[in-house]
Amino acid sequence: MKLLLHACCGPCACYPAKALSEEGLDFTLLYYNPNIHPYKEFKHRLAALRELAEKQEYRLIIDKSYPLEECVIGMLEEPVVRCAFCYRMRLRYTAKYAVDNGFTAFSTTLLYSPYQKHDLIVQAAEAAAEEFGVDFFYRDWRPYYQEGVDISLALGLYRQPYCGCVFSERDRYMEWKKSKNGFGEQQNPDIVDAGDVLTESKPFVRITKNIIQLPKQDTILFK
């Protein structure tokens, strides 16, 4: 099996990546999270994941696409719960990328956090798997949450104080939200190879031996 593991951030990737490594599975991390707001926070989380990948020598694919307006509109128009949009767009992207790039299965570190809507994530992943014809690799990593926290602390990774979107940031910090709902959901490199540039045949830039960066998209590809 060749697994593509969507990663929402460095800390949430710590335990799943460790477990997959111990199982001897061939996996690559994928950062695609345009739901994370503001952009400064988006960069903090990417930096933490890249730090994890470099320290532990994990392969990492980075997509820094950031269609902010479209993402916020999608969350606002989601009929049931805004989280469904965030899960669906990221997992559909991951499944499609897996199919297009030779991976035989996909999964996500969202399955690690006890603060996420686990059943909704599974539902979105299974739908994406069926739509694009690729296996969804399911693991419930929630029982190992503290072990992942300990790994991230030992590595000195940045740990975010809220889930990700602008609404979760509001819910985390606004006083009226705190009093009503509590704090909300928590949750060196080789030289760049000059030959790895953005072209039609090779649409990425190699940052280090194990990390490549994809070109930004102006829109959400898979809603």
N, C-alpha and C. Protein backbone atom coordinates (compact mmCIF):
# COMPACT_ATOMS: atom_id res chain seq x y z
N MET A 1 0.84 -1.20 0.00
CA MET A 1 0.00 0.00 0.00
C MET A 1 0.88 1.25 0.00
N LYS A 2 0.49 2.21 -0.80
CA LYS A 2 1.15 3.51 -0.84
C LYS A 2 0.12 4.54 -0.36
N LEU A 3 0.35 5.09 0.82
CA LEU A 3 -0.66 5.89 1.52
C LEU A 3 -0.34 7.38 1.46
N LEU A 4 -1.37 8.17 1.15
CA LEU A 4 -1.28 9.62 1.22
C LEU A 4 -2.03 10.07 2.47
N LEU A 5 -1.31 10.67 3.41
CA LEU A 5 -1.89 11.06 4.70
C LEU A 5 -2.05 12.57 4.76
N HIS A 6 -3.30 13.04 4.63
CA HIS A 6 -3.57 14.46 4.82
C HIS A 6 -3.25 14.84 6.25
N ALA A 7 -2.54 15.96 6.41
CA ALA A 7 -2.15 16.42 7.74
C ALA A 7 -2.64 17.84 7.96
N CYS A 8 -3.39 18.03 9.03
CA CYS A 8 -3.94 19.36 9.32
C CYS A 8 -2.92 20.26 10.01
N CYS A 9 -1.92 19.67 10.68
CA CYS A 9 -0.92 20.44 11.41
C CYS A 9 0.17 19.49 11.90
N GLY A 10 1.24 20.06 12.44
CA GLY A 10 2.33 19.24 12.95
C GLY A 10 1.96 18.38 14.15
N PRO A 11 1.40 18.98 15.21
CA PRO A 11 1.07 18.19 16.40
C PRO A 11 0.13 17.02 16.13
N CYS A 12 -0.87 17.24 15.28
CA CYS A 12 -1.82 16.15 15.01
C CYS A 12 -1.22 15.07 14.13
N ALA A 13 -0.12 15.37 13.47
CA ALA A 13 0.54 14.37 12.63
C ALA A 13 1.53 13.52 13.42
N CYS A 14 1.91 13.95 14.61
CA CYS A 14 2.98 13.29 15.35
C CYS A 14 2.68 11.81 15.61
N TYR A 15 1.55 11.53 16.25
CA TYR A 15 1.29 10.12 16.56
C TYR A 15 0.93 9.29 15.34
N PRO A 16 0.02 9.74 14.45
CA PRO A 16 -0.28 8.93 13.28
C PRO A 16 0.95 8.58 12.45
N ALA A 17 1.84 9.54 12.24
CA ALA A 17 3.05 9.27 11.46
C ALA A 17 3.95 8.27 12.18
N LYS A 18 4.06 8.40 13.49
CA LYS A 18 4.85 7.46 14.27
C LYS A 18 4.27 6.05 14.16
N ALA A 19 2.95 5.94 14.31
CA ALA A 19 2.29 4.63 14.26
C ALA A 19 2.45 3.99 12.88
N LEU A 20 2.28 4.78 11.83
CA LEU A 20 2.43 4.25 10.48
C LEU A 20 3.86 3.80 10.21
N SER A 21 4.82 4.56 10.73
CA SER A 21 6.23 4.19 10.57
C SER A 21 6.52 2.87 11.27
N GLU A 22 5.96 2.73 12.47
CA GLU A 22 6.17 1.49 13.23
C GLU A 22 5.51 0.29 12.56
N GLU A 23 4.43 0.55 11.81
CA GLU A 23 3.77 -0.53 11.06
C GLU A 23 4.51 -0.85 9.76
N GLY A 24 5.50 -0.05 9.44
CA GLY A 24 6.26 -0.28 8.23
C GLY A 24 5.53 0.12 6.96
N LEU A 25 4.56 1.03 7.08
CA LEU A 25 3.77 1.45 5.93
C LEU A 25 4.46 2.58 5.16
N ASP A 26 4.29 2.56 3.87
CA ASP A 26 4.83 3.59 2.99
C ASP A 26 3.83 4.73 2.92
N PHE A 27 4.16 5.88 3.51
CA PHE A 27 3.21 6.99 3.54
C PHE A 27 3.91 8.31 3.24
N THR A 28 3.12 9.25 2.77
CA THR A 28 3.58 10.61 2.51
C THR A 28 2.56 11.57 3.10
N LEU A 29 3.02 12.58 3.79
CA LEU A 29 2.15 13.60 4.35
C LEU A 29 1.75 14.61 3.28
N LEU A 30 0.53 15.13 3.39
CA LEU A 30 0.04 16.16 2.47
C LEU A 30 -0.55 17.31 3.27
N TYR A 31 -0.03 18.52 3.04
CA TYR A 31 -0.59 19.72 3.69
C TYR A 31 -1.46 20.45 2.69
N TYR A 32 -2.76 20.43 2.92
CA TYR A 32 -3.72 21.21 2.13
C TYR A 32 -4.83 21.62 3.09
N ASN A 33 -4.78 22.88 3.54
CA ASN A 33 -5.69 23.34 4.59
C ASN A 33 -6.07 24.81 4.41
N PRO A 34 -6.76 25.15 3.32
CA PRO A 34 -7.15 26.55 3.10
C PRO A 34 -8.22 27.03 4.05
N ASN A 35 -8.72 26.16 4.91
CA ASN A 35 -9.72 26.54 5.91
C ASN A 35 -9.10 27.23 7.11
N ILE A 36 -7.78 27.19 7.23
CA ILE A 36 -7.12 27.74 8.42
C ILE A 36 -6.96 29.25 8.27
N HIS A 37 -7.48 29.96 9.25
CA HIS A 37 -7.46 31.43 9.22
C HIS A 37 -6.93 31.96 10.57
N PRO A 38 -6.29 33.11 10.58
CA PRO A 38 -5.87 33.91 9.43
C PRO A 38 -4.65 33.30 8.75
N TYR A 39 -4.13 33.98 7.73
CA TYR A 39 -3.04 33.43 6.95
C TYR A 39 -1.77 33.24 7.80
N LYS A 40 -1.59 34.11 8.77
CA LYS A 40 -0.43 33.97 9.66
C LYS A 40 -0.50 32.64 10.41
N GLU A 41 -1.69 32.25 10.83
CA GLU A 41 -1.87 30.96 11.51
C GLU A 41 -1.63 29.81 10.54
N PHE A 42 -2.11 29.97 9.32
CA PHE A 42 -1.87 28.97 8.26
C PHE A 42 -0.37 28.70 8.12
N LYS A 43 0.42 29.78 8.11
CA LYS A 43 1.86 29.64 7.97
C LYS A 43 2.50 29.01 9.20
N HIS A 44 2.00 29.34 10.38
CA HIS A 44 2.52 28.73 11.61
C HIS A 44 2.33 27.21 11.58
N ARG A 45 1.15 26.78 11.16
CA ARG A 45 0.86 25.34 11.17
C ARG A 45 1.65 24.60 10.10
N LEU A 46 1.81 25.24 8.96
CA LEU A 46 2.64 24.65 7.92
C LEU A 46 4.08 24.53 8.40
N ALA A 47 4.58 25.56 9.04
CA ALA A 47 5.96 25.54 9.54
C ALA A 47 6.16 24.42 10.56
N ALA A 48 5.16 24.20 11.41
CA ALA A 48 5.27 23.14 12.41
C ALA A 48 5.28 21.76 11.75
N LEU A 49 4.44 21.59 10.73
CA LEU A 49 4.41 20.30 10.04
C LEU A 49 5.71 20.07 9.28
N ARG A 50 6.21 21.11 8.65
CA ARG A 50 7.48 20.97 7.95
C ARG A 50 8.61 20.64 8.93
N GLU A 51 8.59 21.28 10.10
CA GLU A 51 9.59 20.99 11.13
C GLU A 51 9.53 19.53 11.54
N LEU A 52 8.32 19.02 11.74
CA LEU A 52 8.16 17.60 12.08
C LEU A 52 8.73 16.71 10.97
N ALA A 53 8.38 17.03 9.73
CA ALA A 53 8.84 16.22 8.60
C ALA A 53 10.36 16.22 8.49
N GLU A 54 10.96 17.36 8.72
CA GLU A 54 12.41 17.44 8.62
C GLU A 54 13.10 16.72 9.77
N LYS A 55 12.57 16.87 10.96
CA LYS A 55 13.19 16.22 12.13
C LYS A 55 13.04 14.71 12.08
N GLN A 56 11.90 14.24 11.60
CA GLN A 56 11.63 12.80 11.60
C GLN A 56 11.87 12.15 10.23
N GLU A 57 12.25 12.96 9.26
CA GLU A 57 12.54 12.49 7.90
C GLU A 57 11.32 11.84 7.25
N TYR A 58 10.18 12.51 7.38
CA TYR A 58 8.96 12.08 6.69
C TYR A 58 8.87 12.82 5.35
N ARG A 59 8.28 12.15 4.37
CA ARG A 59 8.01 12.83 3.11
C ARG A 59 6.79 13.73 3.29
N LEU A 60 6.85 14.91 2.66
CA LEU A 60 5.78 15.89 2.81
C LEU A 60 5.52 16.60 1.49
N ILE A 61 4.26 16.68 1.10
CA ILE A 61 3.83 17.45 -0.06
C ILE A 61 3.05 18.66 0.44
N ILE A 62 3.39 19.83 -0.05
CA ILE A 62 2.78 21.08 0.44
C ILE A 62 1.98 21.74 -0.68
N ASP A 63 0.74 22.06 -0.40
CA ASP A 63 -0.07 22.88 -1.30
C ASP A 63 -0.50 24.12 -0.50
N LYS A 64 0.05 25.27 -0.87
CA LYS A 64 -0.20 26.51 -0.11
C LYS A 64 -1.38 27.31 -0.67
N SER A 65 -2.22 26.67 -1.47
CA SER A 65 -3.39 27.37 -2.03
C SER A 65 -4.22 27.96 -0.90
N TYR A 66 -4.73 29.18 -1.11
CA TYR A 66 -5.44 29.87 -0.04
C TYR A 66 -6.59 30.73 -0.58
N PRO A 67 -7.61 30.09 -1.16
CA PRO A 67 -8.78 30.83 -1.68
C PRO A 67 -9.71 31.24 -0.53
N LEU A 68 -9.33 32.27 0.17
CA LEU A 68 -9.99 32.67 1.42
C LEU A 68 -11.49 32.93 1.25
N GLU A 69 -11.83 33.78 0.28
CA GLU A 69 -13.23 34.16 0.14
C GLU A 69 -14.12 32.96 -0.17
N GLU A 70 -13.64 32.13 -1.08
CA GLU A 70 -14.42 30.96 -1.47
C GLU A 70 -14.59 29.98 -0.31
N CYS A 71 -13.56 29.88 0.48
CA CYS A 71 -13.61 28.98 1.63
C CYS A 71 -14.62 29.48 2.67
N VAL A 72 -14.60 30.75 2.98
CA VAL A 72 -15.53 31.30 3.97
C VAL A 72 -16.96 31.19 3.47
N ILE A 73 -17.18 31.48 2.20
CA ILE A 73 -18.52 31.35 1.62
C ILE A 73 -19.01 29.91 1.73
N GLY A 74 -18.12 28.98 1.44
CA GLY A 74 -18.48 27.56 1.54
C GLY A 74 -18.92 27.16 2.92
N MET A 75 -18.21 27.66 3.93
CA MET A 75 -18.59 27.35 5.32
C MET A 75 -19.93 28.00 5.68
N LEU A 76 -20.12 29.23 5.24
CA LEU A 76 -21.36 29.93 5.56
C LEU A 76 -22.57 29.28 4.89
N GLU A 77 -22.35 28.71 3.72
CA GLU A 77 -23.46 28.12 2.98
C GLU A 77 -23.68 26.64 3.29
N GLU A 78 -22.81 26.06 4.10
CA GLU A 78 -22.97 24.64 4.44
C GLU A 78 -24.28 24.47 5.23
N PRO A 79 -25.19 23.61 4.80
CA PRO A 79 -26.54 23.56 5.39
C PRO A 79 -26.62 23.01 6.80
N VAL A 80 -25.73 22.11 7.18
CA VAL A 80 -25.87 21.46 8.49
C VAL A 80 -24.89 22.04 9.51
N VAL A 81 -23.61 21.79 9.30
CA VAL A 81 -22.58 22.29 10.22
C VAL A 81 -21.37 22.69 9.37
N ARG A 82 -20.77 23.84 9.67
CA ARG A 82 -19.72 24.37 8.80
C ARG A 82 -18.52 23.43 8.71
N CYS A 83 -18.27 22.63 9.75
CA CYS A 83 -17.14 21.70 9.73
C CYS A 83 -17.24 20.72 8.56
N ALA A 84 -18.45 20.40 8.15
CA ALA A 84 -18.64 19.44 7.06
C ALA A 84 -17.96 19.95 5.79
N PHE A 85 -18.04 21.25 5.54
CA PHE A 85 -17.39 21.81 4.35
C PHE A 85 -15.89 21.67 4.43
N CYS A 86 -15.31 21.99 5.58
CA CYS A 86 -13.86 21.90 5.76
C CYS A 86 -13.37 20.47 5.58
N TYR A 87 -14.08 19.52 6.16
CA TYR A 87 -13.69 18.12 6.01
C TYR A 87 -13.80 17.69 4.56
N ARG A 88 -14.94 17.98 3.96
CA ARG A 88 -15.22 17.48 2.61
C ARG A 88 -14.23 18.02 1.59
N MET A 89 -13.96 19.33 1.60
CA MET A 89 -13.10 19.89 0.55
C MET A 89 -11.68 19.36 0.68
N ARG A 90 -11.21 19.17 1.91
CA ARG A 90 -9.84 18.68 2.09
C ARG A 90 -9.72 17.20 1.74
N LEU A 91 -10.71 16.41 2.12
CA LEU A 91 -10.63 14.98 1.85
C LEU A 91 -10.88 14.66 0.39
N ARG A 92 -11.73 15.43 -0.26
CA ARG A 92 -11.92 15.24 -1.70
C ARG A 92 -10.62 15.58 -2.45
N TYR A 93 -9.98 16.67 -2.04
CA TYR A 93 -8.71 17.04 -2.65
C TYR A 93 -7.68 15.93 -2.44
N THR A 94 -7.61 15.41 -1.22
CA THR A 94 -6.63 14.36 -0.90
C THR A 94 -6.89 13.10 -1.71
N ALA A 95 -8.15 12.69 -1.80
CA ALA A 95 -8.48 11.49 -2.56
C ALA A 95 -8.14 11.65 -4.03
N LYS A 96 -8.46 12.81 -4.60
CA LYS A 96 -8.17 13.06 -6.01
C LYS A 96 -6.66 13.12 -6.25
N TYR A 97 -5.94 13.76 -5.36
CA TYR A 97 -4.48 13.82 -5.50
C TYR A 97 -3.89 12.42 -5.41
N ALA A 98 -4.41 11.61 -4.51
CA ALA A 98 -3.92 10.24 -4.38
C ALA A 98 -4.09 9.47 -5.68
N VAL A 99 -5.26 9.55 -6.26
CA VAL A 99 -5.54 8.84 -7.51
C VAL A 99 -4.62 9.33 -8.63
N ASP A 100 -4.44 10.64 -8.72
CA ASP A 100 -3.68 11.22 -9.82
C ASP A 100 -2.18 11.01 -9.69
N ASN A 101 -1.72 10.61 -8.51
CA ASN A 101 -0.27 10.55 -8.28
C ASN A 101 0.20 9.19 -7.76
N GLY A 102 -0.56 8.15 -8.04
CA GLY A 102 -0.07 6.80 -7.81
C GLY A 102 -0.19 6.27 -6.40
N PHE A 103 -0.97 6.94 -5.54
CA PHE A 103 -1.20 6.41 -4.20
C PHE A 103 -2.37 5.44 -4.26
N THR A 104 -2.33 4.41 -3.43
CA THR A 104 -3.39 3.40 -3.44
C THR A 104 -4.42 3.61 -2.34
N ALA A 105 -4.14 4.53 -1.41
CA ALA A 105 -5.07 4.80 -0.31
C ALA A 105 -4.77 6.18 0.26
N PHE A 106 -5.74 6.71 1.00
CA PHE A 106 -5.54 7.99 1.66
C PHE A 106 -6.14 7.94 3.05
N SER A 107 -5.68 8.86 3.89
CA SER A 107 -6.24 8.99 5.23
C SER A 107 -5.99 10.42 5.70
N THR A 108 -6.28 10.69 6.97
CA THR A 108 -6.11 12.05 7.49
C THR A 108 -5.79 12.04 8.98
N THR A 109 -4.97 12.98 9.40
CA THR A 109 -4.66 13.12 10.82
C THR A 109 -5.82 13.71 11.61
N LEU A 110 -6.86 14.16 10.92
CA LEU A 110 -8.07 14.63 11.61
C LEU A 110 -8.66 13.51 12.48
N LEU A 111 -8.37 12.27 12.12
CA LEU A 111 -8.88 11.12 12.87
C LEU A 111 -8.20 10.96 14.23
N TYR A 112 -7.15 11.74 14.46
CA TYR A 112 -6.40 11.65 15.71
C TYR A 112 -7.01 12.49 16.83
N SER A 113 -7.64 13.59 16.48
CA SER A 113 -8.07 14.54 17.51
C SER A 113 -9.42 14.18 18.12
N PRO A 114 -9.50 14.11 19.45
CA PRO A 114 -10.79 13.88 20.11
C PRO A 114 -11.69 15.11 20.07
N TYR A 115 -11.16 16.23 19.59
CA TYR A 115 -11.94 17.47 19.53
C TYR A 115 -12.61 17.67 18.17
N GLN A 116 -12.32 16.80 17.21
CA GLN A 116 -12.95 16.88 15.90
C GLN A 116 -14.21 16.02 15.87
N LYS A 117 -15.02 16.22 14.84
CA LYS A 117 -16.26 15.46 14.66
C LYS A 117 -15.93 14.18 13.89
N HIS A 118 -15.55 13.16 14.63
CA HIS A 118 -14.96 11.95 14.06
C HIS A 118 -15.87 11.28 13.03
N ASP A 119 -17.12 11.09 13.39
CA ASP A 119 -18.04 10.39 12.48
C ASP A 119 -18.25 11.17 11.18
N LEU A 120 -18.26 12.48 11.28
CA LEU A 120 -18.42 13.32 10.09
C LEU A 120 -17.20 13.23 9.19
N ILE A 121 -16.03 13.13 9.79
CA ILE A 121 -14.79 12.96 9.02
C ILE A 121 -14.82 11.64 8.27
N VAL A 122 -15.20 10.58 8.96
CA VAL A 122 -15.26 9.25 8.33
C VAL A 122 -16.26 9.27 7.18
N GLN A 123 -17.40 9.88 7.41
CA GLN A 123 -18.43 9.97 6.37
C GLN A 123 -17.91 10.70 5.13
N ALA A 124 -17.23 11.81 5.34
CA ALA A 124 -16.68 12.58 4.22
C ALA A 124 -15.59 11.80 3.50
N ALA A 125 -14.75 11.11 4.25
CA ALA A 125 -13.66 10.33 3.65
C ALA A 125 -14.21 9.16 2.83
N GLU A 126 -15.21 8.47 3.35
CA GLU A 126 -15.79 7.35 2.63
C GLU A 126 -16.45 7.82 1.34
N ALA A 127 -17.10 8.98 1.38
CA ALA A 127 -17.73 9.53 0.18
C ALA A 127 -16.67 9.89 -0.86
N ALA A 128 -15.56 10.47 -0.42
CA ALA A 128 -14.48 10.83 -1.34
C ALA A 128 -13.84 9.58 -1.94
N ALA A 129 -13.69 8.55 -1.12
CA ALA A 129 -13.11 7.30 -1.60
C ALA A 129 -13.97 6.69 -2.70
N GLU A 130 -15.27 6.70 -2.49
CA GLU A 130 -16.19 6.14 -3.49
C GLU A 130 -16.20 7.00 -4.75
N GLU A 131 -16.19 8.31 -4.58
CA GLU A 131 -16.24 9.21 -5.73
C GLU A 131 -15.03 9.06 -6.64
N PHE A 132 -13.85 8.95 -6.05
CA PHE A 132 -12.63 8.95 -6.85
C PHE A 132 -12.02 7.57 -7.05
N GLY A 133 -12.61 6.55 -6.44
CA GLY A 133 -12.14 5.19 -6.67
C GLY A 133 -10.81 4.87 -6.04
N VAL A 134 -10.65 5.26 -4.79
CA VAL A 134 -9.41 4.98 -4.06
C VAL A 134 -9.78 4.55 -2.64
N ASP A 135 -8.97 3.72 -2.02
CA ASP A 135 -9.28 3.21 -0.69
C ASP A 135 -9.10 4.28 0.38
N PHE A 136 -9.99 4.29 1.33
CA PHE A 136 -9.85 5.12 2.54
C PHE A 136 -9.26 4.25 3.63
N PHE A 137 -8.09 4.62 4.13
CA PHE A 137 -7.39 3.88 5.17
C PHE A 137 -7.84 4.44 6.52
N TYR A 138 -8.63 3.66 7.26
CA TYR A 138 -9.19 4.17 8.52
C TYR A 138 -8.40 3.68 9.73
N ARG A 139 -8.09 4.61 10.60
CA ARG A 139 -7.53 4.30 11.91
C ARG A 139 -8.14 5.30 12.90
N ASP A 140 -8.50 4.80 14.07
CA ASP A 140 -8.97 5.67 15.15
C ASP A 140 -7.79 5.90 16.08
N TRP A 141 -7.13 7.04 15.91
CA TRP A 141 -5.94 7.34 16.71
C TRP A 141 -6.28 8.14 17.97
N ARG A 142 -7.54 8.38 18.25
CA ARG A 142 -7.91 9.22 19.39
C ARG A 142 -7.42 8.70 20.75
N PRO A 143 -7.41 7.38 20.97
CA PRO A 143 -6.93 6.91 22.28
C PRO A 143 -5.47 7.26 22.56
N TYR A 144 -4.73 7.65 21.53
CA TYR A 144 -3.30 7.95 21.69
C TYR A 144 -3.03 9.45 21.64
N TYR A 145 -4.06 10.21 21.92
CA TYR A 145 -3.95 11.67 21.83
C TYR A 145 -2.82 12.22 22.71
N GLN A 146 -2.76 11.77 23.97
CA GLN A 146 -1.75 12.30 24.88
C GLN A 146 -0.34 11.94 24.43
N GLU A 147 -0.19 10.75 23.87
CA GLU A 147 1.13 10.37 23.37
C GLU A 147 1.57 11.31 22.25
N GLY A 148 0.63 11.68 21.40
CA GLY A 148 0.94 12.63 20.34
C GLY A 148 1.30 13.99 20.89
N VAL A 149 0.58 14.43 21.92
CA VAL A 149 0.89 15.70 22.58
C VAL A 149 2.32 15.67 23.13
N ASP A 150 2.67 14.57 23.78
CA ASP A 150 4.00 14.44 24.36
C ASP A 150 5.10 14.50 23.29
N ILE A 151 4.84 13.87 22.15
CA ILE A 151 5.82 13.90 21.06
C ILE A 151 6.00 15.33 20.56
N SER A 152 4.89 16.04 20.37
CA SER A 152 4.97 17.40 19.85
C SER A 152 5.70 18.33 20.83
N LEU A 153 5.47 18.13 22.12
CA LEU A 153 6.15 18.94 23.13
C LEU A 153 7.65 18.64 23.16
N ALA A 154 7.98 17.37 23.04
CA ALA A 154 9.39 16.97 23.05
C ALA A 154 10.13 17.54 21.84
N LEU A 155 9.42 17.67 20.73
CA LEU A 155 10.03 18.21 19.52
C LEU A 155 9.99 19.73 19.47
N GLY A 156 9.25 20.34 20.41
CA GLY A 156 9.15 21.79 20.46
C GLY A 156 8.31 22.38 19.35
N LEU A 157 7.30 21.65 18.89
CA LEU A 157 6.46 22.12 17.80
C LEU A 157 5.45 23.17 18.27
N TYR A 158 5.13 24.09 17.39
CA TYR A 158 4.06 25.05 17.66
C TYR A 158 2.74 24.32 17.81
N ARG A 159 2.01 24.61 18.89
CA ARG A 159 0.71 23.98 19.15
C ARG A 159 -0.37 25.06 19.10
N GLN A 160 -1.29 24.90 18.19
CA GLN A 160 -2.32 25.91 17.98
C GLN A 160 -3.39 25.89 19.07
N PRO A 161 -4.01 27.03 19.37
CA PRO A 161 -5.01 27.11 20.45
C PRO A 161 -6.46 26.99 19.98
N TYR A 162 -6.70 26.82 18.68
CA TYR A 162 -8.08 26.66 18.19
C TYR A 162 -8.08 25.79 16.95
N CYS A 163 -9.26 25.36 16.53
CA CYS A 163 -9.38 24.36 15.48
C CYS A 163 -8.77 24.81 14.17
N GLY A 164 -9.19 25.98 13.64
CA GLY A 164 -8.58 26.41 12.40
C GLY A 164 -9.27 27.55 11.69
N CYS A 165 -10.59 27.46 11.49
CA CYS A 165 -11.27 28.49 10.70
C CYS A 165 -11.50 29.75 11.52
N VAL A 166 -11.88 30.81 10.83
CA VAL A 166 -12.08 32.10 11.49
C VAL A 166 -13.19 32.03 12.53
N PHE A 167 -14.16 31.15 12.31
CA PHE A 167 -15.26 31.02 13.26
C PHE A 167 -14.79 30.32 14.53
N SER A 168 -13.92 29.33 14.39
CA SER A 168 -13.41 28.65 15.58
C SER A 168 -12.48 29.55 16.37
N GLU A 169 -11.77 30.44 15.65
CA GLU A 169 -10.93 31.42 16.35
C GLU A 169 -11.82 32.36 17.17
N ARG A 170 -12.91 32.82 16.58
CA ARG A 170 -13.86 33.66 17.30
C ARG A 170 -14.40 32.94 18.54
N ASP A 171 -14.80 31.68 18.35
CA ASP A 171 -15.39 30.92 19.44
C ASP A 171 -14.38 30.69 20.56
N ARG A 172 -13.11 30.62 20.20
CA ARG A 172 -12.05 30.39 21.20
C ARG A 172 -11.78 31.64 22.03
N TYR A 173 -11.86 32.82 21.41
CA TYR A 173 -11.37 34.02 22.08
C TYR A 173 -12.43 35.03 22.49
N MET A 174 -13.60 35.02 21.86
CA MET A 174 -14.60 36.02 22.22
C MET A 174 -15.18 35.75 23.60
N GLU A 175 -15.25 36.77 24.43
CA GLU A 175 -15.68 36.60 25.81
C GLU A 175 -17.09 36.05 25.90
N TRP A 176 -18.00 36.52 25.04
CA TRP A 176 -19.38 36.04 25.14
C TRP A 176 -19.47 34.58 24.75
N LYS A 177 -18.59 34.14 23.85
CA LYS A 177 -18.57 32.73 23.48
C LYS A 177 -17.99 31.89 24.61
N LYS A 178 -16.98 32.42 25.27
CA LYS A 178 -16.37 31.69 26.37
C LYS A 178 -17.39 31.45 27.48
N SER A 179 -18.11 32.49 27.85
CA SER A 179 -19.05 32.37 28.95
C SER A 179 -20.21 31.45 28.61
N LYS A 180 -20.53 31.38 27.32
CA LYS A 180 -21.69 30.57 26.92
C LYS A 180 -21.31 29.13 26.60
N ASN A 181 -20.19 28.96 25.88
CA ASN A 181 -19.87 27.64 25.35
C ASN A 181 -18.54 27.07 25.83
N GLY A 182 -17.83 27.76 26.71
CA GLY A 182 -16.51 27.28 27.06
C GLY A 182 -15.50 27.74 26.04
N PHE A 183 -14.34 27.12 26.03
CA PHE A 183 -13.25 27.58 25.18
C PHE A 183 -13.34 27.04 23.77
N GLY A 184 -14.23 26.12 23.48
CA GLY A 184 -14.33 25.61 22.11
C GLY A 184 -13.33 24.51 21.85
N GLU A 185 -13.20 24.13 20.60
CA GLU A 185 -12.36 22.99 20.22
C GLU A 185 -10.90 23.38 20.15
N GLN A 186 -10.06 22.52 20.84
CA GLN A 186 -8.64 22.70 20.71
C GLN A 186 -8.00 21.61 19.85
N GLN A 187 -7.72 21.96 19.98
CA GLN A 187 -6.89 21.09 19.15
C GLN A 187 -5.35 21.53 19.04
N ASN A 188 16.77 21.20 8.19
CA ASN A 188 17.65 22.06 7.48
C ASN A 188 18.26 21.45 6.31
N PRO A 189 18.06 21.94 5.89
CA PRO A 189 17.58 21.44 4.61
C PRO A 189 18.67 21.27 3.56
N ASP A 190 18.37 20.32 2.67
CA ASP A 190 19.22 20.21 1.47
C ASP A 190 18.98 21.43 0.58
N ILE A 191 19.90 21.73 -0.27
CA ILE A 191 19.73 22.84 -1.20
C ILE A 191 18.66 22.48 -2.21
N VAL A 192 17.83 23.44 -2.56
CA VAL A 192 16.78 23.20 -3.54
C VAL A 192 17.40 22.78 -4.86
N ASP A 193 16.85 21.72 -5.43
CA ASP A 193 17.30 21.24 -6.72
C ASP A 193 16.78 22.18 -7.80
N ALA A 194 17.68 22.86 -8.47
CA ALA A 194 17.26 23.84 -9.47
C ALA A 194 16.51 23.19 -10.62
N GLY A 195 16.67 21.88 -10.78
CA GLY A 195 15.97 21.20 -11.86
C GLY A 195 14.51 20.96 -11.56
N ASP A 196 14.12 20.97 -10.30
CA ASP A 196 12.73 20.71 -9.91
C ASP A 196 11.97 22.03 -9.88
N VAL A 197 11.47 22.45 -11.02
CA VAL A 197 10.74 23.71 -11.11
C VAL A 197 9.35 23.43 -11.60
N LEU A 198 8.50 24.43 -11.52
CA LEU A 198 7.11 24.28 -11.94
C LEU A 198 7.03 24.21 -13.46
N THR A 199 6.68 23.05 -13.95
CA THR A 199 6.45 22.86 -15.38
C THR A 199 5.24 21.99 -15.53
N GLU A 200 4.76 21.84 -16.76
CA GLU A 200 3.60 20.99 -16.99
C GLU A 200 3.92 19.55 -16.65
N SER A 201 5.15 19.12 -16.91
CA SER A 201 5.51 17.73 -16.65
C SER A 201 5.90 17.48 -15.20
N LYS A 202 6.32 18.53 -14.50
CA LYS A 202 6.73 18.39 -13.10
C LYS A 202 6.15 19.57 -12.31
N PRO A 203 4.87 19.49 -11.91
CA PRO A 203 4.19 20.64 -11.31
C PRO A 203 4.46 20.79 -9.82
N PHE A 204 5.74 20.93 -9.46
CA PHE A 204 6.05 21.16 -8.05
C PHE A 204 7.45 21.75 -7.95
N VAL A 205 7.75 22.26 -6.77
CA VAL A 205 9.10 22.71 -6.46
C VAL A 205 9.63 21.85 -5.33
N ARG A 206 10.83 21.31 -5.50
CA ARG A 206 11.42 20.52 -4.42
C ARG A 206 12.10 21.47 -3.44
N ILE A 207 11.68 21.38 -2.16
CA ILE A 207 12.25 22.24 -1.13
C ILE A 207 13.46 21.56 -0.48
N THR A 208 13.28 20.30 -0.08
CA THR A 208 14.37 19.48 0.42
C THR A 208 14.23 18.10 -0.20
N LYS A 209 15.05 17.18 0.22
CA LYS A 209 15.01 15.81 -0.32
C LYS A 209 13.64 15.18 -0.14
N ASN A 210 12.99 15.44 0.99
CA ASN A 210 11.73 14.78 1.31
C ASN A 210 10.50 15.68 1.19
N ILE A 211 10.68 16.94 0.85
CA ILE A 211 9.55 17.88 0.86
C ILE A 211 9.42 18.55 -0.51
N ILE A 212 8.21 18.49 -1.06
CA ILE A 212 7.94 19.20 -2.30
C ILE A 212 6.75 20.12 -2.10
N GLN A 213 6.71 21.20 -2.87
CA GLN A 213 5.62 22.17 -2.76
C GLN A 213 4.90 22.28 -4.09
N LEU A 214 3.57 22.20 -4.05
CA LEU A 214 2.74 22.28 -5.24
C LEU A 214 2.40 23.73 -5.56
N PRO A 215 2.03 24.01 -6.79
CA PRO A 215 1.62 25.38 -7.13
C PRO A 215 0.30 25.74 -6.47
N LYS A 216 0.12 27.01 -6.13
CA LYS A 216 -1.12 27.47 -5.52
C LYS A 216 -2.26 27.46 -6.53
N GLN A 217 -3.45 27.20 -6.03
CA GLN A 217 -4.66 27.27 -6.86
C GLN A 217 -5.45 28.52 -6.45
N ASP A 218 -6.13 29.12 -7.40
CA ASP A 218 -6.92 30.31 -7.13
C ASP A 218 -8.32 29.99 -6.64
N THR A 219 -8.66 28.73 -6.65
CA THR A 219 -10.01 28.33 -6.28
C THR A 219 -9.98 26.99 -5.57
N ILE A 220 -11.06 26.65 -4.87
CA ILE A 220 -11.17 25.34 -4.24
C ILE A 220 -11.54 24.34 -5.33
N LEU A 221 -10.71 23.35 -5.53
CA LEU A 221 -10.91 22.45 -6.66
C LEU A 221 -12.02 21.44 -6.43
N PHE A 222 -12.16 21.00 -5.21
CA PHE A 222 -13.08 19.89 -4.94
C PHE A 222 -13.98 20.21 -3.76
N LYS A 223 -15.10 20.79 -4.04
CA LYS A 223 -16.06 21.13 -2.98
C LYS A 223 -16.95 19.95 -2.66
